[in-house]
C-alpha atoms as a PDB file:
ATOM      1  CA  MET A   1     259.875   7.830  59.913  1.00  0.00           C
ATOM      2  CA  PHE A   2     256.269   6.914  58.985  1.00  0.00           C
ATOM      3  CA  GLU A   3     257.433   3.753  57.215  1.00  0.00           C
ATOM      4  CA  LYS A   4     259.353   2.540  60.257  1.00  0.00           C
ATOM      5  CA  ILE A   5     256.348   3.078  62.550  1.00  0.00           C
ATOM      6  CA  ILE A   6     253.913   1.477  60.088  1.00  0.00           C
ATOM      7  CA  SER A   7     256.212  -1.495  59.557  1.00  0.00           C
ATOM      8  CA  SER A   8     256.664  -2.093  63.295  1.00  0.00           C
ATOM      9  CA  ILE A   9     252.904  -1.862  63.881  1.00  0.00           C
ATOM     10  CA  SER A  10     252.342  -4.338  61.038  1.00  0.00           C
ATOM     11  CA  VAL A  11     254.704  -6.845  62.655  1.00  0.00           C
ATOM     12  CA  GLU A  12     252.899  -6.585  66.001  1.00  0.00           C
ATOM     13  CA  LEU A  13     249.397  -6.815  64.516  1.00  0.00           C
ATOM     14  CA  GLU A  14     250.363  -9.919  62.560  1.00  0.00           C
ATOM     15  CA  ARG A  15     252.008 -11.444  65.644  1.00  0.00           C
ATOM     16  CA  ARG A  16     248.687 -10.985  67.456  1.00  0.00           C
ATOM     17  CA  ASN A  17     246.642 -12.295  64.484  1.00  0.00           C
ATOM     18  CA  ILE A  18     244.703  -9.039  64.153  1.00  0.00           C
ATOM     19  CA  PRO A  19     243.749  -8.271  60.544  1.00  0.00           C
ATOM     20  CA  TYR A  20     244.092  -4.627  59.553  1.00  0.00           C
ATOM     21  CA  MET A  21     244.313  -2.082  56.760  1.00  0.00           C
ATOM     22  CA  LEU A  22     245.776   1.383  56.570  1.00  0.00           C
ATOM     23  CA  ILE A  23     243.295   4.052  55.589  1.00  0.00           C
ATOM     24  CA  GLY A  24     243.318   7.858  55.675  1.00  0.00           C
ATOM     25  CA  GLY A  25     246.204  10.046  54.595  1.00  0.00           C
ATOM     26  CA  GLN A  26     248.732   7.222  54.343  1.00  0.00           C
ATOM     27  CA  ALA A  27     246.514   5.402  51.843  1.00  0.00           C
ATOM     28  CA  VAL A  28     245.891   8.651  49.948  1.00  0.00           C
ATOM     29  CA  LEU A  29     249.667   9.004  49.543  1.00  0.00           C
ATOM     30  CA  LEU A  30     249.674   5.581  47.891  1.00  0.00           C
ATOM     31  CA  TYR A  31     246.756   6.164  45.495  1.00  0.00           C
ATOM     32  CA  GLY A  32     246.151   9.898  45.188  1.00  0.00           C
ATOM     33  CA  GLU A  33     247.941  13.212  45.150  1.00  0.00           C
ATOM     34  CA  PRO A  34     250.866  13.742  47.540  1.00  0.00           C
ATOM     35  CA  ARG A  35     249.915  15.768  50.597  1.00  0.00           C
ATOM     36  CA  LEU A  36     251.043  16.396  54.126  1.00  0.00           C
ATOM     37  CA  THR A  37     249.688  13.960  56.679  1.00  0.00           C
ATOM     38  CA  ARG A  38     250.719  13.857  60.295  1.00  0.00           C
ATOM     39  CA  ASP A  39     248.958  10.716  61.466  1.00  0.00           C
ATOM     40  CA  ILE A  40     248.351   7.063  60.740  1.00  0.00           C
ATOM     41  CA  ASP A  41     244.847   5.580  60.646  1.00  0.00           C
ATOM     42  CA  ILE A  42     244.532   1.806  60.921  1.00  0.00           C
ATOM     43  CA  THR A  43     241.246  -0.068  60.776  1.00  0.00           C
ATOM     44  CA  LEU A  44     241.365  -3.309  62.742  1.00  0.00           C
ATOM     45  CA  GLY A  45     239.381  -6.379  61.808  1.00  0.00           C
ATOM     46  CA  ALA A  46     238.516  -6.747  65.464  1.00  0.00           C
ATOM     47  CA  ASP A  47     235.984  -5.473  67.924  1.00  0.00           C
ATOM     48  CA  VAL A  48     236.853  -3.943  71.296  1.00  0.00           C
ATOM     49  CA  ASP A  49     237.289  -7.458  72.683  1.00  0.00           C
ATOM     50  CA  LYS A  50     240.895  -7.073  71.410  1.00  0.00           C
ATOM     51  CA  LEU A  51     241.475  -3.918  73.468  1.00  0.00           C
ATOM     52  CA  GLU A  52     243.848  -5.631  75.929  1.00  0.00           C
ATOM     53  CA  SER A  53     245.913  -6.940  73.024  1.00  0.00           C
ATOM     54  CA  MET A  54     246.083  -3.433  71.536  1.00  0.00           C
ATOM     55  CA  ILE A  55     247.109  -1.945  74.891  1.00  0.00           C
ATOM     56  CA  SER A  56     249.864  -4.548  75.004  1.00  0.00           C
ATOM     57  CA  LEU A  57     250.888  -3.672  71.430  1.00  0.00           C
ATOM     58  CA  ALA A  58     251.114   0.009  72.369  1.00  0.00           C
ATOM     59  CA  GLY A  59     253.329  -0.871  75.325  1.00  0.00           C
ATOM     60  CA  ASP A  60     255.572  -3.119  73.236  1.00  0.00           C
ATOM     61  CA  LEU A  61     256.055  -0.334  70.673  1.00  0.00           C
ATOM     62  CA  LYS A  62     256.422   2.390  73.331  1.00  0.00           C
ATOM     63  CA  LEU A  63     253.365   4.242  72.058  1.00  0.00           C
ATOM     64  CA  LYS A  64     251.661   6.482  74.598  1.00  0.00           C
ATOM     65  CA  ILE A  65     247.919   5.869  74.954  1.00  0.00           C
ATOM     66  CA  LEU A  66     246.178   9.247  74.893  1.00  0.00           C
ATOM     67  CA  PRO A  67     242.854   8.881  76.775  1.00  0.00           C
ATOM     68  CA  ASP A  68     242.929   8.603  80.554  1.00  0.00           C
ATOM     69  CA  ASN A  69     239.965   6.254  80.848  1.00  0.00           C
ATOM     70  CA  ILE A  70     240.962   3.935  78.020  1.00  0.00           C
ATOM     71  CA  GLU A  71     238.140   1.406  78.160  1.00  0.00           C
ATOM     72  CA  THR A  72     235.345   3.985  78.374  1.00  0.00           C
ATOM     73  CA  PHE A  73     236.847   6.090  75.576  1.00  0.00           C
ATOM     74  CA  VAL A  74     237.304   3.106  73.245  1.00  0.00           C
ATOM     75  CA  ARG A  75     233.819   1.716  73.920  1.00  0.00           C
ATOM     76  CA  GLU A  76     232.280   5.128  73.140  1.00  0.00           C
ATOM     77  CA  THR A  77     234.397   5.949  70.059  1.00  0.00           C
ATOM     78  CA  MET A  78     235.697   2.576  68.799  1.00  0.00           C
ATOM     79  CA  VAL A  79     239.116   4.291  68.497  1.00  0.00           C
ATOM     80  CA  LEU A  80     242.307   3.787  70.493  1.00  0.00           C
ATOM     81  CA  PRO A  81     244.418   6.916  69.908  1.00  0.00           C
ATOM     82  CA  VAL A  82     248.139   6.658  70.671  1.00  0.00           C
ATOM     83  CA  ILE A  83     251.192   8.775  69.941  1.00  0.00           C
ATOM     84  CA  ASN A  84     254.795   8.028  69.181  1.00  0.00           C
ATOM     85  CA  GLU A  85     256.286  10.614  71.534  1.00  0.00           C
ATOM     86  CA  GLU A  86     259.688  10.518  69.824  1.00  0.00           C
ATOM     87  CA  THR A  87     258.242  11.683  66.496  1.00  0.00           C
ATOM     88  CA  GLY A  88     254.933  13.265  67.548  1.00  0.00           C
ATOM     89  CA  ILE A  89     253.099  10.997  65.083  1.00  0.00           C
ATOM     90  CA  ARG A  90     249.596  10.058  66.193  1.00  0.00           C
ATOM     91  CA  ILE A  91     248.154   6.646  65.381  1.00  0.00           C
ATOM     92  CA  ASP A  92     244.445   5.879  65.557  1.00  0.00           C
ATOM     93  CA  PHE A  93     243.550   2.201  65.863  1.00  0.00           C
ATOM     94  CA  ILE A  94     239.927   1.913  64.737  1.00  0.00           C
ATOM     95  CA  PHE A  95     238.042  -1.127  65.993  1.00  0.00           C
ATOM     96  CA  SER A  96     235.551  -2.548  63.532  1.00  0.00           C
ATOM     97  CA  PHE A  97     233.986  -5.847  62.673  1.00  0.00           C
ATOM     98  CA  SER A  98     231.142  -4.763  60.413  1.00  0.00           C
ATOM     99  CA  PRO A  99     230.450  -6.775  57.248  1.00  0.00           C
ATOM    100  CA  TYR A 100     231.747  -3.873  55.152  1.00  0.00           C
ATOM    101  CA  GLU A 101     235.006  -3.593  57.107  1.00  0.00           C
ATOM    102  CA  GLN A 102     235.503  -7.370  57.065  1.00  0.00           C
ATOM    103  CA  GLN A 103     235.342  -7.535  53.284  1.00  0.00           C
ATOM    104  CA  ALA A 104     237.400  -4.334  52.885  1.00  0.00           C
ATOM    105  CA  ILE A 105     240.171  -5.803  55.031  1.00  0.00           C
ATOM    106  CA  ALA A 106     239.959  -9.079  53.092  1.00  0.00           C
ATOM    107  CA  LYS A 107     240.592  -7.208  49.834  1.00  0.00           C
ATOM    108  CA  ALA A 108     243.287  -4.890  51.235  1.00  0.00           C
ATOM    109  CA  ARG A 109     246.393  -4.645  49.086  1.00  0.00           C
ATOM    110  CA  LYS A 110     249.836  -5.758  50.172  1.00  0.00           C
ATOM    111  CA  VAL A 111     252.446  -3.055  49.772  1.00  0.00           C
ATOM    112  CA  ARG A 112     256.129  -3.724  50.399  1.00  0.00           C
ATOM    113  CA  MET A 113     257.510  -1.373  53.043  1.00  0.00           C
ATOM    114  CA  LEU A 114     260.939  -1.795  54.645  1.00  0.00           C
ATOM    115  CA  ASP A 115     261.053  -5.477  53.630  1.00  0.00           C
ATOM    116  CA  ARG A 116     257.594  -6.130  55.093  1.00  0.00           C
ATOM    117  CA  ASP A 117     254.183  -6.609  53.581  1.00  0.00           C
ATOM    118  CA  VAL A 118     251.853  -3.921  54.884  1.00  0.00           C
ATOM    119  CA  TYR A 119     248.119  -3.941  54.137  1.00  0.00           C
ATOM    120  CA  PHE A 120     246.501  -0.826  52.686  1.00  0.00           C
ATOM    121  CA  ALA A 121     242.815  -0.438  51.954  1.00  0.00           C
ATOM    122  CA  ALA A 122     242.066  -0.851  48.244  1.00  0.00           C
ATOM    123  CA  PRO A 123     241.591   2.504  46.476  1.00  0.00           C
ATOM    124  CA  GLU A 124     237.817   1.939  46.276  1.00  0.00           C
ATOM    125  CA  ASP A 125     237.641   1.524  50.038  1.00  0.00           C
ATOM    126  CA  VAL A 126     239.774   4.608  50.625  1.00  0.00           C
ATOM    127  CA  VAL A 127     237.269   6.545  48.477  1.00  0.00           C
ATOM    128  CA  ILE A 128     234.374   5.100  50.488  1.00  0.00           C
ATOM    129  CA  HIS A 129     235.971   6.097  53.803  1.00  0.00           C
ATOM    130  CA  LYS A 130     236.717   9.595  52.499  1.00  0.00           C
ATOM    131  CA  ILE A 131     233.208  10.111  51.095  1.00  0.00           C
ATOM    132  CA  VAL A 132     231.634   9.001  54.386  1.00  0.00           C
ATOM    133  CA  ALA A 133     233.889  11.400  56.330  1.00  0.00           C
ATOM    134  CA  GLY A 134     232.840  14.154  53.934  1.00  0.00           C
ATOM    135  CA  ARG A 135     235.225  16.968  54.915  1.00  0.00           C
ATOM    136  CA  PRO A 136     236.520  19.284  52.144  1.00  0.00           C
ATOM    137  CA  ARG A 137     240.032  17.751  52.413  1.00  0.00           C
ATOM    138  CA  ASP A 138     238.470  14.296  51.999  1.00  0.00           C
ATOM    139  CA  MET A 139     236.660  15.383  48.837  1.00  0.00           C
ATOM    140  CA  GLU A 140     239.966  16.688  47.427  1.00  0.00           C
ATOM    141  CA  ASP A 141     241.560  13.326  48.263  1.00  0.00           C
ATOM    142  CA  VAL A 142     238.731  11.477  46.462  1.00  0.00           C
ATOM    143  CA  ARG A 143     239.161  13.687  43.406  1.00  0.00           C
ATOM    144  CA  GLY A 144     242.915  12.966  43.340  1.00  0.00           C
ATOM    145  CA  ILE A 145     242.367   9.209  43.606  1.00  0.00           C
ATOM    146  CA  LEU A 146     239.711   9.195  40.877  1.00  0.00           C
ATOM    147  CA  LEU A 147     242.002  11.178  38.569  1.00  0.00           C
ATOM    148  CA  LYS A 148     244.994   8.882  39.173  1.00  0.00           C
ATOM    149  CA  ILE A 149     243.044   5.602  38.955  1.00  0.00           C
ATOM    150  CA  PRO A 150     240.654   5.946  35.998  1.00  0.00           C
ATOM    151  CA  ASP A 151     239.646   2.253  36.101  1.00  0.00           C
ATOM    152  CA  ILE A 152     238.576   2.346  39.757  1.00  0.00           C
ATOM    153  CA  ASP A 153     235.464   0.250  40.445  1.00  0.00           C
ATOM    154  CA  ILE A 154     232.808   2.979  40.721  1.00  0.00           C
ATOM    155  CA  ALA A 155     229.993   0.404  40.831  1.00  0.00           C
ATOM    156  CA  TYR A 156     231.504  -1.122  44.004  1.00  0.00           C
ATOM    157  CA  ILE A 157     231.862   2.335  45.565  1.00  0.00           C
ATOM    158  CA  ARG A 158     228.281   3.302  44.679  1.00  0.00           C
ATOM    159  CA  LYS A 159     226.911   0.021  46.054  1.00  0.00           C
ATOM    160  CA  TRP A 160     228.422   0.577  49.506  1.00  0.00           C
ATOM    161  CA  LEU A 161     227.650   4.298  49.586  1.00  0.00           C
ATOM    162  CA  ARG A 162     224.002   3.572  48.721  1.00  0.00           C
ATOM    163  CA  ASP A 163     223.904   1.118  51.627  1.00  0.00           C
ATOM    164  CA  PHE A 164     225.365   3.763  53.947  1.00  0.00           C
ATOM    165  CA  SER A 165     222.989   6.416  52.542  1.00  0.00           C
ATOM    166  CA  ASP A 166     220.061   4.317  53.751  1.00  0.00           C
ATOM    167  CA  ALA A 167     221.042   4.973  57.378  1.00  0.00           C
ATOM    168  CA  PRO A 168     219.026   7.707  59.125  1.00  0.00           C
ATOM    169  CA  GLY A 169     220.521  11.135  58.495  1.00  0.00           C
ATOM    170  CA  GLU A 170     223.000   9.894  55.908  1.00  0.00           C
ATOM    171  CA  ALA A 171     221.115  10.430  52.625  1.00  0.00           C
ATOM    172  CA  GLU A 172     223.728  12.944  51.431  1.00  0.00           C
ATOM    173  CA  ILE A 173     226.582  10.396  51.283  1.00  0.00           C
ATOM    174  CA  ILE A 174     225.955   9.120  47.739  1.00  0.00           C
ATOM    175  CA  ASN A 175     225.495  12.710  46.500  1.00  0.00           C
ATOM    176  CA  ARG A 176     229.028  13.572  47.662  1.00  0.00           C
ATOM    177  CA  LEU A 177     230.475  10.958  45.313  1.00  0.00           C
ATOM    178  CA  GLU A 178     228.356  12.078  42.367  1.00  0.00           C
ATOM    179  CA  SER A 179     229.394  15.685  42.966  1.00  0.00           C
ATOM    180  CA  VAL A 180     233.087  14.769  42.872  1.00  0.00           C
ATOM    181  CA  ILE A 181     232.601  12.669  39.723  1.00  0.00           C
ATOM    182  CA  LYS A 182     230.851  15.591  37.987  1.00  0.00           C
ATOM    183  CA  SER A 183     233.795  17.859  38.845  1.00  0.00           C
ATOM    184  CA  LEU A 184     236.337  15.649  37.029  1.00  0.00           C
END
């Protein structure tokens, strides 16, 4: 069910020349410990200037757009939430064109899914996203990934987390990683 939805989204994103990578629970299933996930998170290598294209994609795939005032919601949150009403699976399309996201998408890994290449964030970038989110479930996901991938590039992760820690109010980010590493 998830694979079919992910594969069809991949086809439509590629048809529209929108770079992307899967993040969140779907990526954790690839690199970490199996767990229940009920959604799909996709980071787009595009800013909100591609909103019309994404609205069209949702229509083509019969995905229901959740917010009433789409443009206002997306401009405020940088997320276009949709749902596959047949399955109840929610998909969040996350608009981003930051230097970090650009390079993360460029190094995304191709994974074969239903005879298609689908792009997943590299395990290092999944860890970065999870550390930044910082919820207890995210920290468990990070621990699982670090245990399963002992040669993960910690220096790369630390570099980006230090950059993010420099933002006002975000000093704790790098400490989250170090805490998980100490617990291994």
